[in-house]
Amino acid sequence: MKYLVSACLAGESCRYDGTHCADPLYVDMKNRGEALPVCPELLGGLGIPRSPCEIRNGRVISIDGDDRTEAFMKGAEHTVRLAREEGAVCAVLKNNSPSCGFGSVYDGTFTGKLVPGLGVAAEALSREGLFLFNDTGFTAAQTVRLRKIREKEYDRLVAVSTESFLSDSLTHSPCGAGGPEGFDSVEWHREASGRGRLLVITYNNELAGGLFVTLKPDKTGWINRIFVRSDLRGKGIGRRVFFLLEQKYSSIREWGLDTPDWAHHNQRFYESMGYKKTREIYSKEAGFYLVVLKKRCILPKGKLKS
């Protein structure tokens, strides 16, 4: 079972008020046997209906003032155990929930205010190494695909690379407009496709970006470059690309990449997918430090790490 999915998304009436928020995509995934519905709150012993809860100062508190942290922790442990038993590598979670929230949760005041954060079960699944999506991000990125570049696409891909890096550097870089070596060169991209895997990212069947990776005999991989059109950012495309990459090359045990030390937005994005900072190195060519991040991957069920 590749996916876990919040049970309420799959049509099960398990929310605190006894309702569900079914989405046909997740109902179909459940019916096809692709996804296992889970409700961490029920697994933790809470019933239906139950008082709504929110996270406040690291504790899960009900609207009645009761501390429900222990039940939420128990539910998170059961959810992680199910993920291990099923060999799940990805979880699609209902956003904003104190258990399943991924990206944002309610702030504990019961006023409807959201803050960045993770629910209790989401945090446990992230520590376990699962790839996490919230429901809206996963749905929006369903038409993202990865494939090998075609001969006629080099000019278009380089145009996208040039626009993407210039846009990003103008917004975030203290060094002004620019990009990595060869970002605006067709020749560089042709050479890259010969020494690694140069892949095209498509979204709704249109070229949306590119990905350049190299694979090593020791079953490690390096993400040399990824870029997405600036007008398509914020649609969950990048996260979906990283998930597809891990599935496409499922024998890779560890992925690595680097990003400029000033690119804090990139670092937060990579860390949200399980990458951890390992060191910083100074690039004489670039004139600034690069942050190196790595991620150990979950191998498909039945394959053991040596």
C-alpha atoms as a PDB file:
ATOM      1  CA  MET A   1       0.000   0.000   0.000  1.00  0.00           C
ATOM      2  CA  LYS A   2       1.823   3.108  -1.239  1.00  0.00           C
ATOM      3  CA  TYR A   3      -0.469   5.725   0.335  1.00  0.00           C
ATOM      4  CA  LEU A   4      -2.058   6.510   3.647  1.00  0.00           C
ATOM      5  CA  VAL A   5      -4.905   8.999   3.379  1.00  0.00           C
ATOM      6  CA  SER A   6      -6.904  10.807   6.051  1.00  0.00           C
ATOM      7  CA  ALA A   7     -10.064   8.739   6.389  1.00  0.00           C
ATOM      8  CA  CYS A   8     -12.373  11.762   6.242  1.00  0.00           C
ATOM      9  CA  LEU A   9     -11.021  12.528   2.756  1.00  0.00           C
ATOM     10  CA  ALA A  10     -11.905   8.989   1.674  1.00  0.00           C
ATOM     11  CA  GLY A  11     -15.533   9.447   2.723  1.00  0.00           C
ATOM     12  CA  GLU A  12     -15.497   8.038   6.244  1.00  0.00           C
ATOM     13  CA  SER A  13     -17.603  10.020   8.729  1.00  0.00           C
ATOM     14  CA  CYS A  14     -14.912  10.341  11.372  1.00  0.00           C
ATOM     15  CA  ARG A  15     -14.480  14.084  11.889  1.00  0.00           C
ATOM     16  CA  TYR A  16     -15.082  15.492  15.354  1.00  0.00           C
ATOM     17  CA  ASP A  17     -18.703  16.291  14.456  1.00  0.00           C
ATOM     18  CA  GLY A  18     -19.394  12.983  12.715  1.00  0.00           C
ATOM     19  CA  THR A  19     -19.116  14.347   9.186  1.00  0.00           C
ATOM     20  CA  HIS A  20     -16.635  13.698   6.364  1.00  0.00           C
ATOM     21  CA  CYS A  21     -15.042  15.820   3.629  1.00  0.00           C
ATOM     22  CA  ALA A  22     -14.933  13.229   0.861  1.00  0.00           C
ATOM     23  CA  ASP A  23     -13.037  13.957  -2.320  1.00  0.00           C
ATOM     24  CA  PRO A  24     -13.715  11.648  -5.306  1.00  0.00           C
ATOM     25  CA  LEU A  25      -9.970  11.317  -5.919  1.00  0.00           C
ATOM     26  CA  TYR A  26      -9.314   9.802  -2.503  1.00  0.00           C
ATOM     27  CA  VAL A  27     -12.503   7.747  -2.482  1.00  0.00           C
ATOM     28  CA  ASP A  28     -11.369   6.204  -5.787  1.00  0.00           C
ATOM     29  CA  MET A  29      -7.866   5.592  -4.419  1.00  0.00           C
ATOM     30  CA  LYS A  30      -9.396   3.747  -1.462  1.00  0.00           C
ATOM     31  CA  ASN A  31     -11.761   1.734  -3.663  1.00  0.00           C
ATOM     32  CA  ARG A  32      -8.911   0.713  -5.985  1.00  0.00           C
ATOM     33  CA  GLY A  33      -6.863  -0.481  -3.028  1.00  0.00           C
ATOM     34  CA  GLU A  34      -4.186   2.176  -3.572  1.00  0.00           C
ATOM     35  CA  ALA A  35      -4.706   4.010  -0.284  1.00  0.00           C
ATOM     36  CA  LEU A  36      -5.381   2.987   3.287  1.00  0.00           C
ATOM     37  CA  PRO A  37      -7.746   5.377   5.136  1.00  0.00           C
ATOM     38  CA  VAL A  38      -6.592   6.270   8.641  1.00  0.00           C
ATOM     39  CA  CYS A  39      -7.998   8.498  11.365  1.00  0.00           C
ATOM     40  CA  PRO A  40      -5.330   9.083  14.030  1.00  0.00           C
ATOM     41  CA  GLU A  41      -7.865  10.538  16.453  1.00  0.00           C
ATOM     42  CA  LEU A  42     -10.005   7.399  16.396  1.00  0.00           C
ATOM     43  CA  LEU A  43      -6.853   5.259  16.634  1.00  0.00           C
ATOM     44  CA  GLY A  44      -5.978   7.234  19.756  1.00  0.00           C
ATOM     45  CA  GLY A  45      -9.220   6.250  21.435  1.00  0.00           C
ATOM     46  CA  LEU A  46     -11.322   9.355  20.847  1.00  0.00           C
ATOM     47  CA  GLY A  47     -14.946   8.839  19.862  1.00  0.00           C
ATOM     48  CA  ILE A  48     -17.512  10.363  17.519  1.00  0.00           C
ATOM     49  CA  PRO A  49     -18.675  12.996  18.151  1.00  0.00           C
ATOM     50  CA  ARG A  50     -15.872  14.602  20.163  1.00  0.00           C
ATOM     51  CA  SER A  51     -14.977  18.102  21.217  1.00  0.00           C
ATOM     52  CA  PRO A  52     -12.896  19.977  18.637  1.00  0.00           C
ATOM     53  CA  CYS A  53      -9.234  20.322  19.560  1.00  0.00           C
ATOM     54  CA  GLU A  54      -6.396  22.640  18.620  1.00  0.00           C
ATOM     55  CA  ILE A  55      -2.673  22.782  19.350  1.00  0.00           C
ATOM     56  CA  ARG A  56      -1.635  25.340  21.962  1.00  0.00           C
ATOM     57  CA  ASN A  57       1.929  25.692  23.278  1.00  0.00           C
ATOM     58  CA  GLY A  58       2.809  22.193  22.110  1.00  0.00           C
ATOM     59  CA  ARG A  59      -0.245  20.562  23.743  1.00  0.00           C
ATOM     60  CA  VAL A  60      -3.528  19.446  22.175  1.00  0.00           C
ATOM     61  CA  ILE A  61      -6.363  21.151  24.033  1.00  0.00           C
ATOM     62  CA  SER A  62     -10.102  20.699  23.509  1.00  0.00           C
ATOM     63  CA  ILE A  63     -12.496  23.610  23.280  1.00  0.00           C
ATOM     64  CA  ASP A  64     -13.664  22.535  26.763  1.00  0.00           C
ATOM     65  CA  GLY A  65     -10.144  23.027  28.141  1.00  0.00           C
ATOM     66  CA  ASP A  66      -9.252  19.329  28.446  1.00  0.00           C
ATOM     67  CA  ASP A  67      -5.731  18.180  27.558  1.00  0.00           C
ATOM     68  CA  ARG A  68      -6.024  15.516  24.826  1.00  0.00           C
ATOM     69  CA  THR A  69      -2.314  15.307  24.023  1.00  0.00           C
ATOM     70  CA  GLU A  70      -1.937  11.708  25.198  1.00  0.00           C
ATOM     71  CA  ALA A  71      -4.734  10.456  22.936  1.00  0.00           C
ATOM     72  CA  PHE A  72      -3.307  12.317  19.945  1.00  0.00           C
ATOM     73  CA  MET A  73       0.171  10.921  20.619  1.00  0.00           C
ATOM     74  CA  LYS A  74      -1.253   7.403  20.887  1.00  0.00           C
ATOM     75  CA  GLY A  75      -3.104   7.863  17.601  1.00  0.00           C
ATOM     76  CA  ALA A  76       0.067   9.105  15.912  1.00  0.00           C
ATOM     77  CA  GLU A  77       1.986   6.030  17.116  1.00  0.00           C
ATOM     78  CA  HIS A  78      -0.707   3.705  15.745  1.00  0.00           C
ATOM     79  CA  THR A  79      -0.663   5.569  12.427  1.00  0.00           C
ATOM     80  CA  VAL A  80       3.105   5.193  12.099  1.00  0.00           C
ATOM     81  CA  ARG A  81       2.784   1.488  12.910  1.00  0.00           C
ATOM     82  CA  LEU A  82       0.216   1.064  10.128  1.00  0.00           C
ATOM     83  CA  ALA A  83       2.508   2.894   7.710  1.00  0.00           C
ATOM     84  CA  ARG A  84       5.312   0.458   8.535  1.00  0.00           C
ATOM     85  CA  GLU A  85       3.086  -2.602   8.225  1.00  0.00           C
ATOM     86  CA  GLU A  86       1.689  -1.482   4.865  1.00  0.00           C
ATOM     87  CA  GLY A  87       5.020  -0.278   3.486  1.00  0.00           C
ATOM     88  CA  ALA A  88       3.512   3.152   2.821  1.00  0.00           C
ATOM     89  CA  VAL A  89       5.843   5.802   1.435  1.00  0.00           C
ATOM     90  CA  CYS A  90       3.395   8.712   1.207  1.00  0.00           C
ATOM     91  CA  ALA A  91       0.570  10.189   3.278  1.00  0.00           C
ATOM     92  CA  VAL A  92      -2.121  12.558   2.018  1.00  0.00           C
ATOM     93  CA  LEU A  93      -3.458  14.458   5.006  1.00  0.00           C
ATOM     94  CA  LYS A  94      -6.399  16.756   5.738  1.00  0.00           C
ATOM     95  CA  ASN A  95      -4.924  20.172   6.268  1.00  0.00           C
ATOM     96  CA  ASN A  96      -5.404  22.315   9.407  1.00  0.00           C
ATOM     97  CA  SER A  97      -6.225  19.321  11.637  1.00  0.00           C
ATOM     98  CA  PRO A  98      -4.432  19.002  15.015  1.00  0.00           C
ATOM     99  CA  SER A  99      -3.604  15.417  14.032  1.00  0.00           C
ATOM    100  CA  CYS A 100      -3.276  15.473  10.228  1.00  0.00           C
ATOM    101  CA  GLY A 101      -2.503  19.124   9.523  1.00  0.00           C
ATOM    102  CA  PHE A 102       0.412  19.554   7.153  1.00  0.00           C
ATOM    103  CA  GLY A 103       1.435  23.085   6.258  1.00  0.00           C
ATOM    104  CA  SER A 104      -0.967  24.825   8.611  1.00  0.00           C
ATOM    105  CA  VAL A 105      -2.902  24.167  11.827  1.00  0.00           C
ATOM    106  CA  TYR A 106      -5.289  26.193  13.931  1.00  0.00           C
ATOM    107  CA  ASP A 107      -3.506  28.331  16.498  1.00  0.00           C
ATOM    108  CA  GLY A 108      -5.220  27.080  19.677  1.00  0.00           C
ATOM    109  CA  THR A 109      -7.551  30.050  20.200  1.00  0.00           C
ATOM    110  CA  PHE A 110     -10.585  28.452  18.483  1.00  0.00           C
ATOM    111  CA  THR A 111     -11.048  31.639  16.466  1.00  0.00           C
ATOM    112  CA  GLY A 112     -10.334  30.108  13.056  1.00  0.00           C
ATOM    113  CA  LYS A 113      -6.825  31.565  12.861  1.00  0.00           C
ATOM    114  CA  LEU A 114      -4.253  29.397  11.065  1.00  0.00           C
ATOM    115  CA  VAL A 115      -0.510  29.269  11.673  1.00  0.00           C
ATOM    116  CA  PRO A 116       2.243  27.305   9.904  1.00  0.00           C
ATOM    117  CA  GLY A 117       2.778  23.899  11.472  1.00  0.00           C
ATOM    118  CA  LEU A 118       2.199  20.168  11.625  1.00  0.00           C
ATOM    119  CA  GLY A 119      -0.426  18.098  13.369  1.00  0.00           C
ATOM    120  CA  VAL A 120       0.708  15.431  15.835  1.00  0.00           C
ATOM    121  CA  ALA A 121       0.333  12.489  13.431  1.00  0.00           C
ATOM    122  CA  ALA A 122       1.771  14.463  10.517  1.00  0.00           C
ATOM    123  CA  GLU A 123       4.886  15.236  12.523  1.00  0.00           C
ATOM    124  CA  ALA A 124       5.295  11.570  13.507  1.00  0.00           C
ATOM    125  CA  LEU A 125       4.900  10.421   9.898  1.00  0.00           C
ATOM    126  CA  SER A 126       7.421  13.007   8.774  1.00  0.00           C
ATOM    127  CA  ARG A 127       9.958  11.725  11.315  1.00  0.00           C
ATOM    128  CA  GLU A 128       9.298   8.217  10.012  1.00  0.00           C
ATOM    129  CA  GLY A 129      10.373   9.407   6.553  1.00  0.00           C
ATOM    130  CA  LEU A 130       7.051   9.374   4.705  1.00  0.00           C
ATOM    131  CA  PHE A 131       6.490  11.880   1.942  1.00  0.00           C
ATOM    132  CA  LEU A 132       3.668  14.180   3.063  1.00  0.00           C
ATOM    133  CA  PHE A 133       1.064  16.101   1.071  1.00  0.00           C
ATOM    134  CA  ASN A 134      -1.913  18.065   2.268  1.00  0.00           C
ATOM    135  CA  ASP A 135      -5.127  17.315   0.424  1.00  0.00           C
ATOM    136  CA  THR A 136      -5.245  20.487  -1.651  1.00  0.00           C
ATOM    137  CA  GLY A 137      -1.605  20.254  -2.761  1.00  0.00           C
ATOM    138  CA  PHE A 138      -1.895  16.603  -3.789  1.00  0.00           C
ATOM    139  CA  THR A 139      -5.081  17.207  -5.777  1.00  0.00           C
ATOM    140  CA  ALA A 140      -3.731  20.267  -7.578  1.00  0.00           C
ATOM    141  CA  ALA A 141      -0.550  18.487  -8.686  1.00  0.00           C
ATOM    142  CA  GLN A 142      -2.136  15.320 -10.087  1.00  0.00           C
ATOM    143  CA  THR A 143      -1.330  16.251 -13.679  1.00  0.00           C
ATOM    144  CA  VAL A 144       2.408  16.681 -13.017  1.00  0.00           C
ATOM    145  CA  ARG A 145       4.590  14.249 -14.977  1.00  0.00           C
ATOM    146  CA  LEU A 146       8.335  13.553 -15.292  1.00  0.00           C
ATOM    147  CA  ARG A 147       9.885  12.253 -18.484  1.00  0.00           C
ATOM    148  CA  LYS A 148      13.100  12.284 -20.506  1.00  0.00           C
ATOM    149  CA  ILE A 149      13.680  15.404 -22.589  1.00  0.00           C
ATOM    150  CA  ARG A 150      12.938  15.235 -26.319  1.00  0.00           C
ATOM    151  CA  GLU A 151      15.256  16.659 -28.956  1.00  0.00           C
ATOM    152  CA  LYS A 152      12.843  19.400 -30.009  1.00  0.00           C
ATOM    153  CA  GLU A 153      12.399  20.648 -26.416  1.00  0.00           C
ATOM    154  CA  TYR A 154      15.859  22.022 -25.597  1.00  0.00           C
ATOM    155  CA  ASP A 155      15.166  25.593 -26.687  1.00  0.00           C
ATOM    156  CA  ARG A 156      11.891  25.739 -24.783  1.00  0.00           C
ATOM    157  CA  LEU A 157      13.405  24.141 -21.670  1.00  0.00           C
ATOM    158  CA  VAL A 158      16.281  26.647 -21.619  1.00  0.00           C
ATOM    159  CA  ALA A 159      13.817  29.514 -21.997  1.00  0.00           C
ATOM    160  CA  VAL A 160      11.945  28.207 -18.934  1.00  0.00           C
ATOM    161  CA  SER A 161      15.234  27.759 -17.029  1.00  0.00           C
ATOM    162  CA  THR A 162      16.327  31.309 -17.837  1.00  0.00           C
ATOM    163  CA  GLU A 163      13.010  32.840 -16.784  1.00  0.00           C
ATOM    164  CA  SER A 164      12.792  30.768 -13.612  1.00  0.00           C
ATOM    165  CA  PHE A 165      16.292  31.491 -12.297  1.00  0.00           C
ATOM    166  CA  LEU A 166      16.190  35.178 -13.195  1.00  0.00           C
ATOM    167  CA  SER A 167      12.826  35.578 -11.498  1.00  0.00           C
ATOM    168  CA  ASP A 168      13.972  33.745  -8.367  1.00  0.00           C
ATOM    169  CA  SER A 169      17.294  35.592  -8.105  1.00  0.00           C
ATOM    170  CA  LEU A 170      15.667  38.998  -8.539  1.00  0.00           C
ATOM    171  CA  THR A 171      13.288  38.162  -5.692  1.00  0.00           C
ATOM    172  CA  HIS A 172      15.656  36.490  -3.241  1.00  0.00           C
ATOM    173  CA  SER A 173      19.342  36.814  -4.145  1.00  0.00           C
ATOM    174  CA  PRO A 174      21.581  39.474  -2.568  1.00  0.00           C
ATOM    175  CA  CYS A 175      23.857  39.062  -5.619  1.00  0.00           C
ATOM    176  CA  GLY A 176      21.389  40.337  -8.198  1.00  0.00           C
ATOM    177  CA  ALA A 177      19.986  38.659 -11.307  1.00  0.00           C
ATOM    178  CA  GLY A 178      21.603  35.446 -12.464  1.00  0.00           C
ATOM    179  CA  GLY A 179      21.642  31.693 -12.092  1.00  0.00           C
ATOM    180  CA  PRO A 180      23.861  28.614 -11.868  1.00  0.00           C
ATOM    181  CA  GLU A 181      26.318  27.630 -14.555  1.00  0.00           C
ATOM    182  CA  GLY A 182      24.668  27.113 -17.929  1.00  0.00           C
ATOM    183  CA  PHE A 183      21.161  28.042 -16.775  1.00  0.00           C
ATOM    184  CA  ASP A 184      20.631  29.983 -20.026  1.00  0.00           C
ATOM    185  CA  SER A 185      22.644  27.721 -22.338  1.00  0.00           C
ATOM    186  CA  VAL A 186      21.281  25.069 -24.700  1.00  0.00           C
ATOM    187  CA  GLU A 187      24.771  23.586 -25.010  1.00  0.00           C
ATOM    188  CA  TRP A 188      25.060  23.147 -21.240  1.00  0.00           C
ATOM    189  CA  HIS A 189      21.726  21.322 -21.078  1.00  0.00           C
ATOM    190  CA  ARG A 190      22.668  19.054 -23.979  1.00  0.00           C
ATOM    191  CA  GLU A 191      25.925  18.185 -22.223  1.00  0.00           C
ATOM    192  CA  ALA A 192      24.067  17.609 -18.952  1.00  0.00           C
ATOM    193  CA  SER A 193      21.715  15.122 -20.616  1.00  0.00           C
ATOM    194  CA  GLY A 194      24.775  13.095 -21.604  1.00  0.00           C
ATOM    195  CA  ARG A 195      26.290  12.839 -18.131  1.00  0.00           C
ATOM    196  CA  GLY A 196      23.109  12.470 -16.104  1.00  0.00           C
ATOM    197  CA  ARG A 197      19.327  12.369 -16.349  1.00  0.00           C
ATOM    198  CA  LEU A 198      17.789  15.537 -17.750  1.00  0.00           C
ATOM    199  CA  LEU A 199      14.044  15.311 -17.231  1.00  0.00           C
ATOM    200  CA  VAL A 200      11.199  17.530 -18.326  1.00  0.00           C
ATOM    201  CA  ILE A 201       8.463  18.497 -15.868  1.00  0.00           C
ATOM    202  CA  THR A 202       5.016  18.816 -17.443  1.00  0.00           C
ATOM    203  CA  TYR A 203       1.854  20.212 -15.882  1.00  0.00           C
ATOM    204  CA  ASN A 204      -1.484  19.810 -17.668  1.00  0.00           C
ATOM    205  CA  ASN A 205       0.563  18.445 -20.592  1.00  0.00           C
ATOM    206  CA  GLU A 206       2.560  21.683 -20.896  1.00  0.00           C
ATOM    207  CA  LEU A 207       6.299  22.070 -20.269  1.00  0.00           C
ATOM    208  CA  ALA A 208       6.560  23.527 -16.777  1.00  0.00           C
ATOM    209  CA  GLY A 209      10.189  23.043 -15.770  1.00  0.00           C
ATOM    210  CA  GLY A 210      13.188  20.771 -15.664  1.00  0.00           C
ATOM    211  CA  LEU A 211      15.099  18.452 -13.380  1.00  0.00           C
ATOM    212  CA  PHE A 212      18.723  17.320 -13.724  1.00  0.00           C
ATOM    213  CA  VAL A 213      19.910  14.423 -11.546  1.00  0.00           C
ATOM    214  CA  THR A 214      22.870  12.060 -11.441  1.00  0.00           C
ATOM    215  CA  LEU A 215      22.732   8.510 -10.091  1.00  0.00           C
ATOM    216  CA  LYS A 216      25.732   6.747  -8.573  1.00  0.00           C
ATOM    217  CA  PRO A 217      26.632   3.042  -8.334  1.00  0.00           C
ATOM    218  CA  ASP A 218      26.420   3.168  -4.523  1.00  0.00           C
ATOM    219  CA  LYS A 219      22.649   3.807  -4.872  1.00  0.00           C
ATOM    220  CA  THR A 220      22.854   7.483  -3.985  1.00  0.00           C
ATOM    221  CA  GLY A 221      21.513  10.269  -6.147  1.00  0.00           C
ATOM    222  CA  TRP A 222      22.248  13.962  -6.511  1.00  0.00           C
ATOM    223  CA  ILE A 223      19.706  16.576  -7.553  1.00  0.00           C
ATOM    224  CA  ASN A 224      21.861  18.988  -9.492  1.00  0.00           C
ATOM    225  CA  ARG A 225      19.108  21.332 -10.561  1.00  0.00           C
ATOM    226  CA  ILE A 226      15.349  21.836 -10.480  1.00  0.00           C
ATOM    227  CA  PHE A 227      13.360  24.743 -11.848  1.00  0.00           C
ATOM    228  CA  VAL A 228       9.692  25.521 -12.445  1.00  0.00           C
ATOM    229  CA  ARG A 229       8.077  28.382 -14.335  1.00  0.00           C
ATOM    230  CA  SER A 230       7.488  31.311 -12.009  1.00  0.00           C
ATOM    231  CA  ASP A 231       3.804  31.575 -12.986  1.00  0.00           C
ATOM    232  CA  LEU A 232       3.233  27.993 -11.808  1.00  0.00           C
ATOM    233  CA  ARG A 233       4.798  28.261  -8.359  1.00  0.00           C
ATOM    234  CA  GLY A 234       2.603  27.611  -5.366  1.00  0.00           C
ATOM    235  CA  LYS A 235       0.604  24.838  -7.061  1.00  0.00           C
ATOM    236  CA  GLY A 236       2.390  21.913  -5.394  1.00  0.00           C
ATOM    237  CA  ILE A 237       4.343  21.056  -8.544  1.00  0.00           C
ATOM    238  CA  GLY A 238       7.767  20.971  -6.894  1.00  0.00           C
ATOM    239  CA  ARG A 239       6.645  18.685  -4.092  1.00  0.00           C
ATOM    240  CA  ARG A 240       4.982  16.355  -6.572  1.00  0.00           C
ATOM    241  CA  VAL A 241       8.169  16.274  -8.668  1.00  0.00           C
ATOM    242  CA  PHE A 242      10.252  15.191  -5.694  1.00  0.00           C
ATOM    243  CA  PHE A 243       7.772  12.431  -4.896  1.00  0.00           C
ATOM    244  CA  LEU A 244       7.718  11.215  -8.505  1.00  0.00           C
ATOM    245  CA  LEU A 245      11.515  11.270  -8.556  1.00  0.00           C
ATOM    246  CA  GLU A 246      11.713   9.021  -5.500  1.00  0.00           C
ATOM    247  CA  GLN A 247       9.210   6.633  -7.091  1.00  0.00           C
ATOM    248  CA  LYS A 248      10.892   6.644 -10.499  1.00  0.00           C
ATOM    249  CA  TYR A 249      14.269   5.762  -8.984  1.00  0.00           C
ATOM    250  CA  SER A 250      13.048   3.737  -6.021  1.00  0.00           C
ATOM    251  CA  SER A 251      16.356   1.893  -5.587  1.00  0.00           C
ATOM    252  CA  ILE A 252      18.116   5.113  -4.556  1.00  0.00           C
ATOM    253  CA  ARG A 253      18.742   5.005  -0.814  1.00  0.00           C
ATOM    254  CA  GLU A 254      19.830   8.601  -0.313  1.00  0.00           C
ATOM    255  CA  TRP A 255      19.272  11.829  -2.244  1.00  0.00           C
ATOM    256  CA  GLY A 256      21.390  14.929  -1.865  1.00  0.00           C
ATOM    257  CA  LEU A 257      21.325  18.503  -3.148  1.00  0.00           C
ATOM    258  CA  ASP A 258      22.670  21.946  -2.365  1.00  0.00           C
ATOM    259  CA  THR A 259      21.181  25.431  -2.378  1.00  0.00           C
ATOM    260  CA  PRO A 260      22.574  28.931  -1.706  1.00  0.00           C
ATOM    261  CA  ASP A 261      22.778  29.856   1.969  1.00  0.00           C
ATOM    262  CA  TRP A 262      20.645  32.931   1.257  1.00  0.00           C
ATOM    263  CA  ALA A 263      17.855  30.823  -0.319  1.00  0.00           C
ATOM    264  CA  HIS A 264      15.984  30.265   2.938  1.00  0.00           C
ATOM    265  CA  HIS A 265      12.747  29.614   1.019  1.00  0.00           C
ATOM    266  CA  ASN A 266      14.425  26.680  -0.749  1.00  0.00           C
ATOM    267  CA  GLN A 267      15.829  25.291   2.484  1.00  0.00           C
ATOM    268  CA  ARG A 268      12.412  25.323   4.167  1.00  0.00           C
ATOM    269  CA  PHE A 269      10.894  23.597   1.150  1.00  0.00           C
ATOM    270  CA  TYR A 270      13.510  20.822   1.112  1.00  0.00           C
ATOM    271  CA  GLU A 271      13.302  20.345   4.874  1.00  0.00           C
ATOM    272  CA  SER A 272       9.516  19.959   4.627  1.00  0.00           C
ATOM    273  CA  MET A 273      10.165  16.877   2.464  1.00  0.00           C
ATOM    274  CA  GLY A 274      12.573  15.261   4.917  1.00  0.00           C
ATOM    275  CA  TYR A 275      15.899  16.685   3.745  1.00  0.00           C
ATOM    276  CA  LYS A 276      18.323  17.549   6.529  1.00  0.00           C
ATOM    277  CA  LYS A 277      21.204  19.995   6.466  1.00  0.00           C
ATOM    278  CA  THR A 278      24.555  18.189   6.630  1.00  0.00           C
ATOM    279  CA  ARG A 279      27.124  20.939   6.037  1.00  0.00           C
ATOM    280  CA  GLU A 280      27.962  24.201   4.288  1.00  0.00           C
ATOM    281  CA  ILE A 281      30.609  24.587   1.589  1.00  0.00           C
ATOM    282  CA  TYR A 282      32.010  27.735   0.021  1.00  0.00           C
ATOM    283  CA  SER A 283      31.670  28.057  -3.749  1.00  0.00           C
ATOM    284  CA  LYS A 284      34.448  30.208  -5.217  1.00  0.00           C
ATOM    285  CA  GLU A 285      32.628  30.236  -8.537  1.00  0.00           C
ATOM    286  CA  ALA A 286      29.379  31.526  -7.037  1.00  0.00           C
ATOM    287  CA  GLY A 287      30.964  33.679  -4.345  1.00  0.00           C
ATOM    288  CA  PHE A 288      28.768  32.432  -1.502  1.00  0.00           C
ATOM    289  CA  TYR A 289      28.192  29.377   0.706  1.00  0.00           C
ATOM    290  CA  LEU A 290      26.058  26.450  -0.372  1.00  0.00           C
ATOM    291  CA  VAL A 291      23.955  24.490   2.124  1.00  0.00           C
ATOM    292  CA  VAL A 292      24.103  20.723   1.512  1.00  0.00           C
ATOM    293  CA  LEU A 293      20.994  18.708   2.434  1.00  0.00           C
ATOM    294  CA  LYS A 294      20.400  14.964   2.269  1.00  0.00           C
ATOM    295  CA  LYS A 295      17.504  12.548   2.713  1.00  0.00           C
ATOM    296  CA  ARG A 296      17.437   8.827   3.458  1.00  0.00           C
ATOM    297  CA  CYS A 297      14.587   7.203   1.537  1.00  0.00           C
ATOM    298  CA  ILE A 298      12.117   4.513   2.465  1.00  0.00           C
ATOM    299  CA  LEU A 299      12.780   1.489   0.275  1.00  0.00           C
ATOM    300  CA  PRO A 300       9.812  -0.348  -1.257  1.00  0.00           C
ATOM    301  CA  LYS A 301       8.313  -2.990   1.024  1.00  0.00           C
ATOM    302  CA  GLY A 302      10.332  -6.186   0.980  1.00  0.00           C
ATOM    303  CA  LYS A 303      13.676  -4.472   0.335  1.00  0.00           C
ATOM    304  CA  LEU A 304      15.905  -4.149   3.344  1.00  0.00           C
ATOM    305  CA  LYS A 305      18.558  -1.523   3.870  1.00  0.00           C
ATOM    306  CA  SER A 306      21.988  -3.043   4.336  1.00  0.00           C
END
